Protein backbone atom coordinates (compact mmCIF):
# COMPACT_ATOMS: atom_id res chain seq x y z
CA MET A 1 -53.70 -26.79 -26.49
CA ASN A 2 -51.68 -26.70 -29.44
CA GLU A 3 -50.58 -29.60 -32.21
CA ASN A 4 -47.72 -29.51 -34.32
CA ARG A 5 -46.78 -31.88 -37.37
CA PRO A 6 -43.91 -30.13 -38.39
CA GLU A 7 -44.15 -32.33 -41.64
CA ASP A 8 -40.79 -32.98 -43.48
CA SER A 9 -39.82 -35.11 -42.43
CA ALA A 10 -45.56 -34.54 -37.92
CA PRO A 11 -52.45 -33.87 -30.85
CA ALA A 12 -54.01 -31.46 -29.19
CA ALA A 13 -53.14 -29.23 -32.34
CA ALA A 14 -50.85 -30.48 -35.02
CA SER A 15 -48.21 -30.18 -38.21
CA SER A 16 -47.06 -31.49 -41.55
CA ALA A 17 -44.33 -30.54 -44.49
CA ALA A 18 -43.46 -32.29 -48.06
CA PRO A 19 -41.20 -30.51 -51.07
CA PRO A 20 -40.20 -28.46 -53.45
CA ALA A 21 -38.13 -25.51 -52.15
CA THR A 22 -37.84 -23.29 -49.44
CA PRO A 23 -34.91 -22.16 -47.80
CA ALA A 24 -35.17 -23.59 -44.49
CA ALA A 25 -37.59 -25.68 -41.95
CA ASP A 26 -37.96 -22.46 -39.67
CA GLU A 27 -40.09 -20.89 -43.11
CA ALA A 28 -42.15 -23.57 -44.52
CA PRO A 29 -45.70 -22.56 -45.26
CA ARG A 30 -47.34 -23.24 -42.26
CA ARG A 31 -51.26 -24.00 -41.90
CA LEU A 32 -54.19 -23.85 -39.48
CA LEU A 33 -56.89 -26.40 -40.10
CA ASP A 34 -60.31 -24.68 -40.03
CA ALA A 35 -63.66 -26.27 -39.57
CA GLY A 36 -63.75 -28.11 -43.63
CA SER A 37 -59.96 -28.96 -43.85
CA LEU A 38 -60.40 -30.68 -40.10
CA ARG A 39 -62.90 -32.81 -41.49
CA GLY A 40 -61.29 -33.31 -44.62
CA LEU A 41 -57.94 -34.79 -42.40
CA ALA A 42 -60.09 -36.35 -39.78
CA HIS A 43 -59.92 -40.17 -41.32
CA PRO A 44 -57.76 -42.72 -39.90
CA LEU A 45 -56.68 -43.83 -43.50
CA ARG A 46 -56.17 -40.87 -45.01
CA MET A 47 -53.81 -39.71 -42.01
CA ARG A 48 -51.85 -42.66 -42.58
CA LEU A 49 -51.81 -42.40 -46.39
CA LEU A 50 -50.82 -38.50 -46.10
CA ASP A 51 -48.32 -39.39 -43.86
CA GLU A 52 -46.85 -41.95 -46.15
CA LEU A 53 -46.36 -39.72 -49.08
CA ARG A 54 -45.26 -37.30 -46.53
CA LEU A 55 -42.37 -39.99 -44.79
CA ASN A 56 -41.80 -42.49 -47.47
CA GLY A 57 -42.04 -39.70 -50.83
CA PRO A 58 -44.64 -39.87 -53.92
CA ALA A 59 -45.90 -42.86 -54.66
CA THR A 60 -49.33 -44.10 -56.92
CA SER A 61 -52.63 -45.45 -55.91
CA ALA A 62 -50.71 -48.90 -56.73
CA ARG A 63 -48.15 -48.15 -54.06
CA LEU A 64 -50.05 -46.67 -51.80
CA SER A 65 -52.06 -49.83 -51.95
CA GLU A 66 -49.29 -51.98 -51.58
CA ARG A 67 -48.38 -50.65 -48.46
CA THR A 68 -51.55 -51.01 -46.63
CA GLY A 69 -53.45 -53.41 -48.33
CA GLU A 70 -56.41 -51.20 -49.32
CA SER A 71 -58.36 -51.43 -53.12
CA THR A 72 -56.93 -48.88 -55.19
CA GLY A 73 -60.23 -48.11 -55.31
CA THR A 74 -60.44 -46.31 -52.14
CA ILE A 75 -57.20 -45.44 -52.12
CA SER A 76 -57.72 -43.05 -55.44
CA TRP A 77 -61.10 -42.39 -53.22
CA HIS A 78 -59.22 -40.76 -50.38
CA LEU A 79 -56.20 -39.22 -52.44
CA ARG A 80 -59.31 -37.73 -54.03
CA HIS A 81 -60.17 -35.37 -50.87
CA LEU A 82 -56.70 -35.04 -50.16
CA ALA A 83 -56.00 -32.98 -52.92
CA GLU A 84 -59.09 -31.40 -52.79
CA HIS A 85 -57.92 -29.77 -49.13
CA GLY A 86 -54.48 -29.46 -50.40
CA PHE A 87 -53.07 -31.76 -48.39
CA ILE A 88 -51.41 -33.23 -51.29
CA GLU A 89 -50.75 -32.39 -54.81
CA GLU A 90 -49.76 -34.52 -57.87
CA GLU A 91 -45.64 -34.72 -58.75
CA PRO A 92 -45.07 -32.74 -61.60
CA GLY A 93 -43.15 -34.12 -64.85
CA ARG A 94 -44.79 -38.37 -63.31
CA GLY A 95 -47.01 -40.08 -64.02
CA THR A 96 -49.60 -40.52 -67.16
CA LYS A 97 -53.45 -40.74 -67.31
CA ARG A 98 -54.01 -43.78 -66.13
CA GLU A 99 -51.27 -43.00 -63.44
CA ARG A 100 -50.90 -40.23 -60.96
CA TRP A 101 -47.69 -39.25 -58.64
CA TRP A 102 -49.18 -37.79 -55.49
CA ARG A 103 -46.60 -36.51 -52.81
CA ALA A 104 -47.60 -34.31 -49.91
CA ALA A 105 -47.46 -30.80 -50.12
CA ARG A 106 -44.98 -28.86 -48.16
CA GLY A 107 -45.73 -26.95 -45.33
CA ALA A 108 -46.57 -27.68 -41.30
CA ILE A 109 -49.84 -28.21 -40.44
CA VAL A 110 -51.35 -26.79 -37.56
CA LEU A 111 -53.98 -27.31 -35.61
CA SER A 112 -55.31 -25.24 -32.43
CA ALA A 113 -58.16 -27.47 -30.93
CA THR A 114 -59.75 -24.02 -28.66
CA ASP A 115 -61.32 -22.57 -32.15
CA PHE A 116 -63.41 -25.70 -32.41
CA ASP A 117 -64.87 -24.87 -28.57
CA GLN A 118 -67.70 -23.48 -29.96
CA ASP A 119 -68.48 -25.25 -33.20
CA PRO A 120 -70.16 -28.48 -31.61
CA ALA A 121 -70.53 -30.44 -35.27
CA THR A 122 -67.02 -30.55 -35.62
CA ARG A 123 -65.89 -31.83 -32.64
CA ALA A 124 -66.56 -35.44 -34.15
CA ALA A 125 -64.17 -34.43 -36.83
CA LEU A 126 -61.09 -33.14 -34.25
CA SER A 127 -61.74 -36.06 -31.98
CA VAL A 128 -60.95 -38.60 -34.63
CA TYR A 129 -57.87 -36.20 -35.83
CA GLN A 130 -56.60 -35.97 -31.98
CA ALA A 131 -57.27 -39.79 -31.01
CA GLU A 132 -55.83 -41.25 -35.02
CA ASN A 133 -52.60 -38.39 -34.70
CA LEU A 134 -52.12 -40.38 -31.36
CA ARG A 135 -52.12 -43.13 -32.14
CA ARG A 136 -49.57 -42.67 -34.78
CA GLN A 137 -47.29 -41.41 -32.87
CA TYR A 138 -47.13 -44.47 -30.13
CA GLN A 139 -46.55 -46.56 -32.82
CA ARG A 140 -43.85 -44.74 -34.72
CA VAL A 141 -41.96 -45.19 -30.81
CA ALA A 142 -42.81 -48.51 -30.67
CA ASP A 143 -41.84 -50.06 -33.92
CA SER A 144 -38.74 -47.84 -32.88
CA LEU A 145 -38.32 -49.71 -29.84
CA ALA A 146 -39.17 -52.79 -31.10
CA ALA A 147 -36.73 -52.32 -34.58
CA ASP A 148 -33.50 -55.21 -34.17
CA TRP A 149 -30.96 -52.24 -34.75
CA GLN A 150 -27.21 -52.38 -35.61
CA GLY A 151 -24.01 -51.06 -35.06
CA GLU A 152 -24.22 -47.22 -33.91
CA TRP A 153 -28.07 -47.10 -34.18
CA ARG A 154 -27.91 -49.96 -31.63
CA GLY A 155 -28.98 -47.91 -28.11
CA THR A 156 -29.62 -44.84 -29.90
CA GLY A 157 -32.84 -42.97 -29.03
CA SER A 158 -34.77 -42.04 -25.83
CA VAL A 159 -37.65 -41.85 -24.56
CA THR A 160 -37.62 -39.26 -21.26
CA ASP A 161 -40.89 -38.21 -19.42
CA TRP A 162 -40.20 -34.63 -17.32
CA SER A 163 -44.00 -35.73 -14.79
CA ASN A 164 -43.59 -33.38 -12.14
CA LEU A 165 -43.03 -29.65 -13.62
CA ARG A 166 -44.95 -27.24 -11.87
CA LEU A 167 -45.67 -24.44 -14.73
CA THR A 168 -48.44 -21.54 -15.11
CA PRO A 169 -49.47 -21.40 -18.79
CA ALA A 170 -47.37 -18.77 -20.63
CA GLN A 171 -44.62 -21.11 -18.77
CA LEU A 172 -45.43 -23.74 -20.49
CA GLN A 173 -45.50 -22.35 -24.02
CA ALA A 174 -42.57 -20.80 -23.60
CA LEU A 175 -41.24 -24.30 -23.36
CA ILE A 176 -43.00 -25.51 -25.56
CA ASP A 177 -41.98 -22.92 -27.97
CA ASP A 178 -38.04 -23.15 -26.97
CA LEU A 179 -38.37 -27.38 -27.76
CA SER A 180 -39.41 -26.73 -31.07
CA ALA A 181 -36.83 -24.20 -31.55
CA VAL A 182 -34.05 -26.62 -31.30
CA VAL A 183 -36.13 -29.17 -33.47
CA THR A 184 -35.67 -26.45 -36.09
CA ARG A 185 -32.21 -26.05 -35.61
CA HIS A 186 -30.98 -29.40 -35.97
CA THR A 187 -33.60 -30.24 -39.33
CA PRO A 188 -31.68 -30.23 -42.42
CA ASP A 189 -32.15 -28.45 -45.21
CA PRO A 190 -34.78 -30.75 -47.11
CA ASP A 191 -33.25 -29.64 -50.56
CA ALA A 192 -29.65 -30.29 -49.24
CA ALA A 193 -28.66 -34.22 -50.46
CA PRO A 194 -28.79 -36.52 -47.45
CA ASP A 195 -25.63 -37.70 -45.08
CA PRO A 196 -25.18 -41.00 -46.16
CA ALA A 197 -24.81 -42.07 -42.56
CA ALA A 198 -28.04 -40.69 -41.80
CA ARG A 199 -31.18 -41.98 -40.99
CA PRO A 200 -35.10 -40.79 -40.65
CA VAL A 201 -35.37 -39.88 -37.25
CA VAL A 202 -38.32 -39.94 -35.43
CA VAL A 203 -38.79 -36.51 -32.43
CA GLN A 204 -41.97 -36.22 -30.77
CA ILE A 205 -42.36 -33.25 -28.12
CA GLN A 206 -45.63 -33.79 -25.49
CA ALA A 207 -45.98 -30.89 -23.34
CA LEU A 208 -49.46 -30.47 -21.79
CA PRO A 209 -50.41 -29.84 -18.43
CA ARG A 210 -51.76 -32.70 -15.96
CA LYS A 211 -55.14 -33.04 -13.70
CA ASP A 212 -54.62 -31.75 -10.78
CA PRO A 213 -56.10 -33.86 -8.37
CA GLU A 214 -56.81 -31.04 -5.36
CA ARG A 215 -57.14 -28.59 -7.98
CA PRO A 216 -60.96 -27.78 -9.95
């Protein structure tokens, strides 16, 4: 099972991104997590910090402390871990020796859960990562549904479930690839000026095999 957290805006596998220039979203770098980088990321607060930087732009440890309610010392410690593993980097031309600005590294974080089938030592990190990623996806949807949208944004969006498809593994992967390609076509150039009428949008694709009680 693969998880993709497309990171310019996101498991059983996952992907992520943040700014300097690349030509188009489908050309953004992709990083496959190995055991070391997975353990470096698989912590609820680190995943939240990466999301904060990815979704809301560069920030200092003090700003991230205000957003999360954690102490600046704790935030700084987790930011160092993220930087050591290449998930974040310093924002060029900003900050001082006392106040560093951090941004998410650009590109998609990709996790293939089957890569760790023979690595029991990494199973705990994999479980933490998958559970936290799923929780954060659910929370984004719940926040959107609970928000008081006004004007033309009221009533937009969709939560849809097709649970009775019957596909082979190859057909399921083809479906996932097609859906990802559609999202990529609608992803704006990260270096272009944003449309003033645009808002951030959450797109989640969850295409997973479902257990059949009649089959092992």
